[in-house]
Amino acid sequence: MTPKQKEALDYITDYIAEYGGISPSFQNIADGLGIKSKSGAHRLVWALHEMGAIHISAGRGRRITIPGADTNLSRAAAWGEVQAVARMLLSGSITKENAAKKLLVLAAVK
């Protein structure tokens, strides 16, 4: 792994942890690493994928995952969803019944 690939992997890992399981876009990666174009970030990400350091799911935006990553990231994403439901409930944009249904679905996700 080159130093730039290591820097990209660290950036992606930190981003996913900071944003509750959401992976960075190629533009986020380019900006975060000081790369002038998204294509440069794309080449780095695919090199990391080919060596097995990350996984890219086909057909999804923001689809980078770290193999063997701590499951706390998925818990963090679920916690973000719980917070979103709470905000909707407080703002009145969702009923108590619908909020309860959403929370039950979240609780069932493993």
PDB file of N, CA and C in Angstrom:
ATOM      1  N   MET A   1       0.858  -1.174   0.000  1.00  0.00           N
ATOM      2  CA  MET A   1       0.000   0.000   0.000  1.00  0.00           C
ATOM      3  C   MET A   1       0.903   1.237   0.000  1.00  0.00           C
ATOM      4  N   THR A   2       0.609   2.146  -0.918  1.00  0.00           N
ATOM      5  CA  THR A   2       1.392   3.375  -0.994  1.00  0.00           C
ATOM      6  C   THR A   2       0.984   4.318   0.140  1.00  0.00           C
ATOM      7  N   PRO A   3       1.819   5.295   0.436  1.00  0.00           N
ATOM      8  CA  PRO A   3       1.445   6.260   1.473  1.00  0.00           C
ATOM      9  C   PRO A   3       0.130   6.995   1.152  1.00  0.00           C
ATOM     10  N   LYS A   4      -0.081   7.311  -0.120  1.00  0.00           N
ATOM     11  CA  LYS A   4      -1.316   8.012  -0.504  1.00  0.00           C
ATOM     12  C   LYS A   4      -2.523   7.090  -0.336  1.00  0.00           C
ATOM     13  N   GLN A   5      -2.378   5.811  -0.654  1.00  0.00           N
ATOM     14  CA  GLN A   5      -3.471   4.863  -0.443  1.00  0.00           C
ATOM     15  C   GLN A   5      -3.768   4.722   1.039  1.00  0.00           C
ATOM     16  N   LYS A   6      -2.743   4.686   1.875  1.00  0.00           N
ATOM     17  CA  LYS A   6      -2.934   4.608   3.324  1.00  0.00           C
ATOM     18  C   LYS A   6      -3.659   5.853   3.823  1.00  0.00           C
ATOM     19  N   GLU A   7      -3.272   7.002   3.305  1.00  0.00           N
ATOM     20  CA  GLU A   7      -3.929   8.257   3.673  1.00  0.00           C
ATOM     21  C   GLU A   7      -5.411   8.218   3.266  1.00  0.00           C
ATOM     22  N   ALA A   8      -5.685   7.699   2.079  1.00  0.00           N
ATOM     23  CA  ALA A   8      -7.074   7.591   1.613  1.00  0.00           C
ATOM     24  C   ALA A   8      -7.865   6.625   2.489  1.00  0.00           C
ATOM     25  N   LEU A   9      -7.273   5.489   2.828  1.00  0.00           N
ATOM     26  CA  LEU A   9      -7.953   4.521   3.682  1.00  0.00           C
ATOM     27  C   LEU A   9      -8.250   5.121   5.048  1.00  0.00           C
ATOM     28  N   ASP A  10      -7.288   5.822   5.618  1.00  0.00           N
ATOM     29  CA  ASP A  10      -7.506   6.481   6.917  1.00  0.00           C
ATOM     30  C   ASP A  10      -8.615   7.522   6.813  1.00  0.00           C
ATOM     31  N   TYR A  11      -8.621   8.299   5.732  1.00  0.00           N
ATOM     32  CA  TYR A  11      -9.650   9.320   5.539  1.00  0.00           C
ATOM     33  C   TYR A  11     -11.034   8.669   5.444  1.00  0.00           C
ATOM     34  N   ILE A  12     -11.147   7.622   4.644  1.00  0.00           N
ATOM     35  CA  ILE A  12     -12.438   6.934   4.470  1.00  0.00           C
ATOM     36  C   ILE A  12     -12.916   6.351   5.799  1.00  0.00           C
ATOM     37  N   THR A  13     -12.017   5.694   6.524  1.00  0.00           N
ATOM     38  CA  THR A  13     -12.370   5.100   7.814  1.00  0.00           C
ATOM     39  C   THR A  13     -12.835   6.165   8.796  1.00  0.00           C
ATOM     40  N   ASP A  14     -12.094   7.261   8.885  1.00  0.00           N
ATOM     41  CA  ASP A  14     -12.473   8.348   9.795  1.00  0.00           C
ATOM     42  C   ASP A  14     -13.801   8.983   9.392  1.00  0.00           C
ATOM     43  N   TYR A  15     -14.013   9.157   8.090  1.00  0.00           N
ATOM     44  CA  TYR A  15     -15.254   9.764   7.601  1.00  0.00           C
ATOM     45  C   TYR A  15     -16.449   8.893   7.973  1.00  0.00           C
ATOM     46  N   ILE A  16     -16.331   7.597   7.735  1.00  0.00           N
ATOM     47  CA  ILE A  16     -17.424   6.677   8.042  1.00  0.00           C
ATOM     48  C   ILE A  16     -17.733   6.704   9.537  1.00  0.00           C
ATOM     49  N   ALA A  17     -16.700   6.748  10.363  1.00  0.00           N
ATOM     50  CA  ALA A  17     -16.907   6.804  11.810  1.00  0.00           C
ATOM     51  C   ALA A  17     -17.563   8.127  12.222  1.00  0.00           C
ATOM     52  N   GLU A  18     -17.104   9.226  11.639  1.00  0.00           N
ATOM     53  CA  GLU A  18     -17.622  10.543  12.006  1.00  0.00           C
ATOM     54  C   GLU A  18     -19.070  10.747  11.556  1.00  0.00           C
ATOM     55  N   TYR A  19     -19.422  10.205  10.397  1.00  0.00           N
ATOM     56  CA  TYR A  19     -20.755  10.442   9.853  1.00  0.00           C
ATOM     57  C   TYR A  19     -21.685   9.250  10.035  1.00  0.00           C
ATOM     58  N   GLY A  20     -21.438   8.451  11.059  1.00  0.00           N
ATOM     59  CA  GLY A  20     -22.368   7.406  11.459  1.00  0.00           C
ATOM     60  C   GLY A  20     -22.599   6.327  10.422  1.00  0.00           C
ATOM     61  N   GLY A  21     -21.550   5.881   9.758  1.00  0.00           N
ATOM     62  CA  GLY A  21     -21.686   4.784   8.818  1.00  0.00           C
ATOM     63  C   GLY A  21     -21.879   5.197   7.375  1.00  0.00           C
ATOM     64  N   ILE A  22     -21.981   6.491   7.117  1.00  0.00           N
ATOM     65  CA  ILE A  22     -22.132   6.980   5.744  1.00  0.00           C
ATOM     66  C   ILE A  22     -20.740   7.122   5.140  1.00  0.00           C
ATOM     67  N   SER A  23     -20.555   6.564   3.951  1.00  0.00           N
ATOM     68  CA  SER A  23     -19.235   6.653   3.331  1.00  0.00           C
ATOM     69  C   SER A  23     -19.091   7.962   2.567  1.00  0.00           C
ATOM     70  N   PRO A  24     -17.856   8.408   2.373  1.00  0.00           N
ATOM     71  CA  PRO A  24     -17.634   9.658   1.645  1.00  0.00           C
ATOM     72  C   PRO A  24     -17.847   9.479   0.140  1.00  0.00           C
ATOM     73  N   SER A  25     -18.202  10.566  -0.513  1.00  0.00           N
ATOM     74  CA  SER A  25     -18.282  10.554  -1.973  1.00  0.00           C
ATOM     75  C   SER A  25     -16.864  10.703  -2.531  1.00  0.00           C
ATOM     76  N   PHE A  26     -16.711  10.466  -3.810  1.00  0.00           N
ATOM     77  CA  PHE A  26     -15.402  10.662  -4.430  1.00  0.00           C
ATOM     78  C   PHE A  26     -14.964  12.122  -4.299  1.00  0.00           C
ATOM     79  N   GLN A  27     -15.914  13.046  -4.378  1.00  0.00           N
ATOM     80  CA  GLN A  27     -15.574  14.463  -4.218  1.00  0.00           C
ATOM     81  C   GLN A  27     -15.109  14.740  -2.796  1.00  0.00           C
ATOM     82  N   ASN A  28     -15.778  14.142  -1.785  1.00  0.00           N
ATOM     83  CA  ASN A  28     -15.331  14.294  -0.396  1.00  0.00           C
ATOM     84  C   ASN A  28     -13.893  13.812  -0.243  1.00  0.00           C
ATOM     85  N   ILE A  29     -13.606  12.656  -0.832  1.00  0.00           N
ATOM     86  CA  ILE A  29     -12.262  12.081  -0.730  1.00  0.00           C
ATOM     87  C   ILE A  29     -11.243  12.985  -1.415  1.00  0.00           C
ATOM     88  N   ALA A  30     -11.569  13.455  -2.612  1.00  0.00           N
ATOM     89  CA  ALA A  30     -10.656  14.350  -3.331  1.00  0.00           C
ATOM     90  C   ALA A  30     -10.386  15.610  -2.506  1.00  0.00           C
ATOM     91  N   ASP A  31     -11.439  16.212  -1.973  1.00  0.00           N
ATOM     92  CA  ASP A  31     -11.285  17.425  -1.173  1.00  0.00           C
ATOM     93  C   ASP A  31     -10.481  17.142   0.104  1.00  0.00           C
ATOM     94  N   GLY A  32     -10.804  16.034   0.764  1.00  0.00           N
ATOM     95  CA  GLY A  32     -10.145  15.694   2.015  1.00  0.00           C
ATOM     96  C   GLY A  32      -8.669  15.392   1.874  1.00  0.00           C
ATOM     97  N   LEU A  33      -8.286  14.894   0.715  1.00  0.00           N
ATOM     98  CA  LEU A  33      -6.883  14.534   0.483  1.00  0.00           C
ATOM     99  C   LEU A  33      -6.125  15.572  -0.341  1.00  0.00           C
ATOM    100  N   GLY A  34      -6.821  16.629  -0.738  1.00  0.00           N
ATOM    101  CA  GLY A  34      -6.169  17.660  -1.543  1.00  0.00           C
ATOM    102  C   GLY A  34      -5.886  17.217  -2.961  1.00  0.00           C
ATOM    103  N   ILE A  35      -6.716  16.301  -3.476  1.00  0.00           N
ATOM    104  CA  ILE A  35      -6.582  15.828  -4.857  1.00  0.00           C
ATOM    105  C   ILE A  35      -7.399  16.756  -5.747  1.00  0.00           C
ATOM    106  N   LYS A  36      -6.865  17.097  -6.905  1.00  0.00           N
ATOM    107  CA  LYS A  36      -7.514  18.093  -7.749  1.00  0.00           C
ATOM    108  C   LYS A  36      -8.771  17.600  -8.465  1.00  0.00           C
ATOM    109  N   SER A  37      -8.918  16.281  -8.625  1.00  0.00           N
ATOM    110  CA  SER A  37     -10.076  15.794  -9.374  1.00  0.00           C
ATOM    111  C   SER A  37     -10.688  14.558  -8.713  1.00  0.00           C
ATOM    112  N   LYS A  38     -11.964  14.358  -9.008  1.00  0.00           N
ATOM    113  CA  LYS A  38     -12.636  13.156  -8.517  1.00  0.00           C
ATOM    114  C   LYS A  38     -12.034  11.906  -9.136  1.00  0.00           C
ATOM    115  N   SER A  39     -11.528  12.010 -10.350  1.00  0.00           N
ATOM    116  CA  SER A  39     -10.960  10.819 -10.994  1.00  0.00           C
ATOM    117  C   SER A  39      -9.728  10.324 -10.248  1.00  0.00           C
ATOM    118  N   GLY A  40      -8.948  11.230  -9.679  1.00  0.00           N
ATOM    119  CA  GLY A  40      -7.804  10.827  -8.872  1.00  0.00           C
ATOM    120  C   GLY A  40      -8.248  10.074  -7.621  1.00  0.00           C
ATOM    121  N   ALA A  41      -9.311  10.555  -6.988  1.00  0.00           N
ATOM    122  CA  ALA A  41      -9.872   9.864  -5.825  1.00  0.00           C
ATOM    123  C   ALA A  41     -10.444   8.516  -6.246  1.00  0.00           C
ATOM    124  N   HIS A  42     -11.076   8.479  -7.396  1.00  0.00           N
ATOM    125  CA  HIS A  42     -11.657   7.241  -7.915  1.00  0.00           C
ATOM    126  C   HIS A  42     -10.573   6.175  -8.100  1.00  0.00           C
ATOM    127  N   ARG A  43      -9.438   6.557  -8.674  1.00  0.00           N
ATOM    128  CA  ARG A  43      -8.329   5.609  -8.870  1.00  0.00           C
ATOM    129  C   ARG A  43      -7.816   5.075  -7.540  1.00  0.00           C
ATOM    130  N   LEU A  44      -7.678   5.965  -6.542  1.00  0.00           N
ATOM    131  CA  LEU A  44      -7.224   5.528  -5.219  1.00  0.00           C
ATOM    132  C   LEU A  44      -8.208   4.542  -4.583  1.00  0.00           C
ATOM    133  N   VAL A  45      -9.489   4.882  -4.652  1.00  0.00           N
ATOM    134  CA  VAL A  45     -10.521   4.036  -4.039  1.00  0.00           C
ATOM    135  C   VAL A  45     -10.556   2.666  -4.705  1.00  0.00           C
ATOM    136  N   TRP A  46     -10.500   2.630  -6.027  1.00  0.00           N
ATOM    137  CA  TRP A  46     -10.538   1.332  -6.710  1.00  0.00           C
ATOM    138  C   TRP A  46      -9.279   0.511  -6.451  1.00  0.00           C
ATOM    139  N   ALA A  47      -8.142   1.173  -6.283  1.00  0.00           N
ATOM    140  CA  ALA A  47      -6.922   0.442  -5.918  1.00  0.00           C
ATOM    141  C   ALA A  47      -7.085  -0.183  -4.537  1.00  0.00           C
ATOM    142  N   LEU A  48      -7.682   0.553  -3.600  1.00  0.00           N
ATOM    143  CA  LEU A  48      -7.936   0.010  -2.263  1.00  0.00           C
ATOM    144  C   LEU A  48      -8.914  -1.160  -2.333  1.00  0.00           C
ATOM    145  N   HIS A  49      -9.901  -1.037  -3.198  1.00  0.00           N
ATOM    146  CA  HIS A  49     -10.889  -2.118  -3.378  1.00  0.00           C
ATOM    147  C   HIS A  49     -10.209  -3.370  -3.936  1.00  0.00           C
ATOM    148  N   GLU A  50      -9.381  -3.182  -4.941  1.00  0.00           N
ATOM    149  CA  GLU A  50      -8.709  -4.323  -5.578  1.00  0.00           C
ATOM    150  C   GLU A  50      -7.776  -5.061  -4.617  1.00  0.00           C
ATOM    151  N   MET A  51      -7.193  -4.341  -3.650  1.00  0.00           N
ATOM    152  CA  MET A  51      -6.317  -5.011  -2.680  1.00  0.00           C
ATOM    153  C   MET A  51      -7.090  -5.532  -1.468  1.00  0.00           C
ATOM    154  N   GLY A  52      -8.416  -5.298  -1.436  1.00  0.00           N
ATOM    155  CA  GLY A  52      -9.243  -5.838  -0.362  1.00  0.00           C
ATOM    156  C   GLY A  52      -9.305  -4.988   0.888  1.00  0.00           C
ATOM    157  N   ALA A  53      -8.752  -3.776   0.845  1.00  0.00           N
ATOM    158  CA  ALA A  53      -8.769  -2.899   2.014  1.00  0.00           C
ATOM    159  C   ALA A  53     -10.152  -2.297   2.256  1.00  0.00           C
ATOM    160  N   ILE A  54     -10.929  -2.140   1.181  1.00  0.00           N
ATOM    161  CA  ILE A  54     -12.307  -1.644   1.280  1.00  0.00           C
ATOM    162  C   ILE A  54     -13.185  -2.489   0.361  1.00  0.00           C
ATOM    163  N   HIS A  55     -14.496  -2.333   0.534  1.00  0.00           N
ATOM    164  CA  HIS A  55     -15.448  -3.013  -0.342  1.00  0.00           C
ATOM    165  C   HIS A  55     -16.352  -1.952  -0.951  1.00  0.00           C
ATOM    166  N   ILE A  56     -16.593  -2.082  -2.244  1.00  0.00           N
ATOM    167  CA  ILE A  56     -17.491  -1.161  -2.943  1.00  0.00           C
ATOM    168  C   ILE A  56     -18.676  -1.969  -3.441  1.00  0.00           C
ATOM    169  N   SER A  57     -19.870  -1.613  -2.976  1.00  0.00           N
ATOM    170  CA  SER A  57     -21.086  -2.292  -3.410  1.00  0.00           C
ATOM    171  C   SER A  57     -21.553  -1.693  -4.721  1.00  0.00           C
ATOM    172  N   ALA A  58     -21.863  -2.541  -5.680  1.00  0.00           N
ATOM    173  CA  ALA A  58     -22.279  -2.084  -7.008  1.00  0.00           C
ATOM    174  C   ALA A  58     -23.646  -1.414  -6.961  1.00  0.00           C
ATOM    175  N   GLY A  59     -23.778  -0.366  -7.754  1.00  0.00           N
ATOM    176  CA  GLY A  59     -25.078   0.251  -7.965  1.00  0.00           C
ATOM    177  C   GLY A  59     -25.602   1.109  -6.831  1.00  0.00           C
ATOM    178  N   ARG A  60     -24.750   1.517  -5.916  1.00  0.00           N
ATOM    179  CA  ARG A  60     -25.216   2.355  -4.815  1.00  0.00           C
ATOM    180  C   ARG A  60     -24.280   3.546  -4.669  1.00  0.00           C
ATOM    181  N   GLY A  61     -24.845   4.717  -4.432  1.00  0.00           N
ATOM    182  CA  GLY A  61     -24.036   5.876  -4.126  1.00  0.00           C
ATOM    183  C   GLY A  61     -23.498   5.754  -2.710  1.00  0.00           C
ATOM    184  N   ARG A  62     -22.376   6.351  -2.459  1.00  0.00           N
ATOM    185  CA  ARG A  62     -21.760   6.313  -1.133  1.00  0.00           C
ATOM    186  C   ARG A  62     -21.765   4.888  -0.595  1.00  0.00           C
ATOM    187  N   ARG A  63     -21.107   4.026  -1.299  1.00  0.00           N
ATOM    188  CA  ARG A  63     -21.235   2.589  -1.100  1.00  0.00           C
ATOM    189  C   ARG A  63     -19.967   1.909  -0.605  1.00  0.00           C
ATOM    190  N   ILE A  64     -19.052   2.660  -0.021  1.00  0.00           N
ATOM    191  CA  ILE A  64     -17.788   2.100   0.449  1.00  0.00           C
ATOM    192  C   ILE A  64     -17.958   1.573   1.873  1.00  0.00           C
ATOM    193  N   THR A  65     -17.507   0.350   2.108  1.00  0.00           N
ATOM    194  CA  THR A  65     -17.478  -0.203   3.455  1.00  0.00           C
ATOM    195  C   THR A  65     -16.082  -0.739   3.737  1.00  0.00           C
ATOM    196  N   ILE A  66     -15.771  -0.866   5.012  1.00  0.00           N
ATOM    197  CA  ILE A  66     -14.476  -1.389   5.434  1.00  0.00           C
ATOM    198  C   ILE A  66     -14.689  -2.822   5.909  1.00  0.00           C
ATOM    199  N   PRO A  67     -14.125  -3.809   5.216  1.00  0.00           N
ATOM    200  CA  PRO A  67     -14.308  -5.198   5.650  1.00  0.00           C
ATOM    201  C   PRO A  67     -13.817  -5.395   7.089  1.00  0.00           C
ATOM    202  N   GLY A  68     -14.637  -6.084   7.878  1.00  0.00           N
ATOM    203  CA  GLY A  68     -14.267  -6.368   9.256  1.00  0.00           C
ATOM    204  C   GLY A  68     -14.359  -5.169  10.182  1.00  0.00           C
ATOM    205  N   ALA A  69     -14.968  -4.076   9.713  1.00  0.00           N
ATOM    206  CA  ALA A  69     -15.074  -2.884  10.563  1.00  0.00           C
ATOM    207  C   ALA A  69     -15.971  -3.159  11.751  1.00  0.00           C
ATOM    208  N   ASP A  70     -15.755  -2.412  12.792  1.00  0.00           N
ATOM    209  CA  ASP A  70     -16.523  -2.550  14.022  1.00  0.00           C
ATOM    210  C   ASP A  70     -18.007  -2.335  13.739  1.00  0.00           C
ATOM    211  N   THR A  71     -18.844  -3.164  14.304  1.00  0.00           N
ATOM    212  CA  THR A  71     -20.288  -3.034  14.101  1.00  0.00           C
ATOM    213  C   THR A  71     -20.844  -1.794  14.762  1.00  0.00           C
ATOM    214  N   ASN A  72     -20.041  -1.087  15.553  1.00  0.00           N
ATOM    215  CA  ASN A  72     -20.517   0.156  16.144  1.00  0.00           C
ATOM    216  C   ASN A  72     -20.871   1.177  15.076  1.00  0.00           C
ATOM    217  N   LEU A  73     -20.272   1.035  13.881  1.00  0.00           N
ATOM    218  CA  LEU A  73     -20.616   1.960  12.806  1.00  0.00           C
ATOM    219  C   LEU A  73     -22.061   1.776  12.391  1.00  0.00           C
ATOM    220  N   SER A  74     -22.533   0.525  12.295  1.00  0.00           N
ATOM    221  CA  SER A  74     -23.923   0.323  11.936  1.00  0.00           C
ATOM    222  C   SER A  74     -24.834   0.769  13.077  1.00  0.00           C
ATOM    223  N   ARG A  75     -24.367   0.609  14.308  1.00  0.00           N
ATOM    224  CA  ARG A  75     -25.143   1.116  15.441  1.00  0.00           C
ATOM    225  C   ARG A  75     -25.216   2.630  15.396  1.00  0.00           C
ATOM    226  N   ALA A  76     -24.115   3.262  14.998  1.00  0.00           N
ATOM    227  CA  ALA A  76     -24.094   4.717  14.889  1.00  0.00           C
ATOM    228  C   ALA A  76     -25.069   5.183  13.824  1.00  0.00           C
ATOM    229  N   ALA A  77     -25.142   4.458  12.707  1.00  0.00           N
ATOM    230  CA  ALA A  77     -26.092   4.811  11.654  1.00  0.00           C
ATOM    231  C   ALA A  77     -27.520   4.668  12.160  1.00  0.00           C
ATOM    232  N   ALA A  78     -27.784   3.589  12.896  1.00  0.00           N
ATOM    233  CA  ALA A  78     -29.126   3.392  13.464  1.00  0.00           C
ATOM    234  C   ALA A  78     -29.445   4.497  14.465  1.00  0.00           C
ATOM    235  N   TRP A  79     -28.461   4.882  15.267  1.00  0.00           N
ATOM    236  CA  TRP A  79     -28.675   5.959  16.233  1.00  0.00           C
ATOM    237  C   TRP A  79     -29.009   7.261  15.502  1.00  0.00           C
ATOM    238  N   GLY A  80     -28.361   7.514  14.377  1.00  0.00           N
ATOM    239  CA  GLY A  80     -28.695   8.693  13.580  1.00  0.00           C
ATOM    240  C   GLY A  80     -30.133   8.654  13.101  1.00  0.00           C
ATOM    241  N   GLU A  81     -30.613   7.465  12.739  1.00  0.00           N
ATOM    242  CA  GLU A  81     -32.011   7.309  12.326  1.00  0.00           C
ATOM    243  C   GLU A  81     -32.955   7.584  13.499  1.00  0.00           C
ATOM    244  N   VAL A  82     -32.606   7.103  14.676  1.00  0.00           N
ATOM    245  CA  VAL A  82     -33.426   7.352  15.877  1.00  0.00           C
ATOM    246  C   VAL A  82     -33.506   8.852  16.140  1.00  0.00           C
ATOM    247  N   GLN A  83     -32.368   9.526  16.019  1.00  0.00           N
ATOM    248  CA  GLN A  83     -32.358  10.971  16.226  1.00  0.00           C
ATOM    249  C   GLN A  83     -33.225  11.685  15.194  1.00  0.00           C
ATOM    250  N   ALA A  84     -33.201  11.212  13.956  1.00  0.00           N
ATOM    251  CA  ALA A  84     -34.023  11.818  12.903  1.00  0.00           C
ATOM    252  C   ALA A  84     -35.508  11.643  13.216  1.00  0.00           C
ATOM    253  N   VAL A  85     -35.890  10.463  13.695  1.00  0.00           N
ATOM    254  CA  VAL A  85     -37.294  10.229  14.063  1.00  0.00           C
ATOM    255  C   VAL A  85     -37.685  11.158  15.210  1.00  0.00           C
ATOM    256  N   ALA A  86     -36.802  11.311  16.180  1.00  0.00           N
ATOM    257  CA  ALA A  86     -37.086  12.200  17.307  1.00  0.00           C
ATOM    258  C   ALA A  86     -37.279  13.640  16.836  1.00  0.00           C
ATOM    259  N   ARG A  87     -36.435  14.092  15.911  1.00  0.00           N
ATOM    260  CA  ARG A  87     -36.579  15.456  15.380  1.00  0.00           C
ATOM    261  C   ARG A  87     -37.909  15.617  14.656  1.00  0.00           C
ATOM    262  N   MET A  88     -38.293  14.599  13.863  1.00  0.00           N
ATOM    263  CA  MET A  88     -39.572  14.670  13.146  1.00  0.00           C
ATOM    264  C   MET A  88     -40.732  14.708  14.128  1.00  0.00           C
ATOM    265  N   LEU A  89     -40.640  13.922  15.179  1.00  0.00           N
ATOM    266  CA  LEU A  89     -41.696  13.879  16.181  1.00  0.00           C
ATOM    267  C   LEU A  89     -41.815  15.227  16.885  1.00  0.00           C
ATOM    268  N   LEU A  90     -40.698  15.802  17.262  1.00  0.00           N
ATOM    269  CA  LEU A  90     -40.712  17.099  17.943  1.00  0.00           C
ATOM    270  C   LEU A  90     -41.206  18.225  17.041  1.00  0.00           C
ATOM    271  N   SER A  91     -40.912  18.124  15.757  1.00  0.00           N
ATOM    272  CA  SER A  91     -41.356  19.177  14.836  1.00  0.00           C
ATOM    273  C   SER A  91     -42.811  19.005  14.408  1.00  0.00           C
ATOM    274  N   GLY A  92     -43.394  17.852  14.745  1.00  0.00           N
ATOM    275  CA  GLY A  92     -44.782  17.598  14.377  1.00  0.00           C
ATOM    276  C   GLY A  92     -44.964  17.072  12.971  1.00  0.00           C
ATOM    277  N   SER A  93     -43.881  16.714  12.300  1.00  0.00           N
ATOM    278  CA  SER A  93     -43.997  16.229  10.925  1.00  0.00           C
ATOM    279  C   SER A  93     -44.279  14.729  10.855  1.00  0.00           C
ATOM    280  N   ILE A  94     -44.408  14.080  12.002  1.00  0.00           N
ATOM    281  CA  ILE A  94     -44.731  12.658  12.048  1.00  0.00           C
ATOM    282  C   ILE A  94     -45.602  12.407  13.280  1.00  0.00           C
ATOM    283  N   THR A  95     -46.540  11.494  13.161  1.00  0.00           N
ATOM    284  CA  THR A  95     -47.394  11.166  14.313  1.00  0.00           C
ATOM    285  C   THR A  95     -46.658  10.229  15.267  1.00  0.00           C
ATOM    286  N   LYS A  96     -47.165  10.155  16.486  1.00  0.00           N
ATOM    287  CA  LYS A  96     -46.567   9.244  17.477  1.00  0.00           C
ATOM    288  C   LYS A  96     -46.626   7.806  16.983  1.00  0.00           C
ATOM    289  N   GLU A  97     -47.725   7.437  16.342  1.00  0.00           N
ATOM    290  CA  GLU A  97     -47.890   6.076  15.850  1.00  0.00           C
ATOM    291  C   GLU A  97     -46.859   5.736  14.778  1.00  0.00           C
ATOM    292  N   ASN A  98     -46.681   6.660  13.826  1.00  0.00           N
ATOM    293  CA  ASN A  98     -45.698   6.419  12.766  1.00  0.00           C
ATOM    294  C   ASN A  98     -44.275   6.424  13.312  1.00  0.00           C
ATOM    295  N   ALA A  99     -44.004   7.275  14.296  1.00  0.00           N
ATOM    296  CA  ALA A  99     -42.690   7.290  14.918  1.00  0.00           C
ATOM    297  C   ALA A  99     -42.428   5.956  15.604  1.00  0.00           C
ATOM    298  N   ALA A 100     -43.435   5.442  16.303  1.00  0.00           N
ATOM    299  CA  ALA A 100     -43.291   4.155  16.992  1.00  0.00           C
ATOM    300  C   ALA A 100     -43.017   3.040  15.984  1.00  0.00           C
ATOM    301  N   LYS A 101     -43.720   3.060  14.845  1.00  0.00           N
ATOM    302  CA  LYS A 101     -43.503   2.044  13.813  1.00  0.00           C
ATOM    303  C   LYS A 101     -42.072   2.101  13.286  1.00  0.00           C
ATOM    304  N   LYS A 102     -41.576   3.326  13.008  1.00  0.00           N
ATOM    305  CA  LYS A 102     -40.213   3.482  12.502  1.00  0.00           C
ATOM    306  C   LYS A 102     -39.194   2.981  13.527  1.00  0.00           C
ATOM    307  N   LEU A 103     -39.426   3.290  14.792  1.00  0.00           N
ATOM    308  CA  LEU A 103     -38.491   2.865  15.836  1.00  0.00           C
ATOM    309  C   LEU A 103     -38.502   1.352  16.007  1.00  0.00           C
ATOM    310  N   LEU A 104     -39.677   0.729  15.864  1.00  0.00           N
ATOM    311  CA  LEU A 104     -39.746  -0.725  15.953  1.00  0.00           C
ATOM    312  C   LEU A 104     -38.976  -1.381  14.805  1.00  0.00           C
ATOM    313  N   VAL A 105     -39.070  -0.811  13.620  1.00  0.00           N
ATOM    314  CA  VAL A 105     -38.319  -1.334  12.479  1.00  0.00           C
ATOM    315  C   VAL A 105     -36.821  -1.198  12.736  1.00  0.00           C
ATOM    316  N   LEU A 106     -36.402  -0.058  13.261  1.00  0.00           N
ATOM    317  CA  LEU A 106     -34.987   0.143  13.573  1.00  0.00           C
ATOM    318  C   LEU A 106     -34.501  -0.846  14.625  1.00  0.00           C
ATOM    319  N   ALA A 107     -35.338  -1.111  15.611  1.00  0.00           N
ATOM    320  CA  ALA A 107     -34.958  -2.038  16.678  1.00  0.00           C
ATOM    321  C   ALA A 107     -34.785  -3.465  16.136  1.00  0.00           C
ATOM    322  N   ALA A 108     -35.504  -3.786  15.076  1.00  0.00           N
ATOM    323  CA  ALA A 108     -35.435  -5.137  14.505  1.00  0.00           C
ATOM    324  C   ALA A 108     -34.213  -5.329  13.620  1.00  0.00           C
ATOM    325  N   VAL A 109     -33.592  -4.239  13.178  1.00  0.00           N
ATOM    326  CA  VAL A 109     -32.422  -4.328  12.306  1.00  0.00           C
ATOM    327  C   VAL A 109     -31.231  -4.788  13.117  1.00  0.00           C
ATOM    328  N   LYS A 110     -30.516  -5.779  12.582  1.00  0.00           N
ATOM    329  CA  LYS A 110     -29.338  -6.299  13.298  1.00  0.00           C
ATOM    330  C   LYS A 110     -28.078  -5.760  12.708  1.00  0.00           C
TER     331      LYS A 110
END
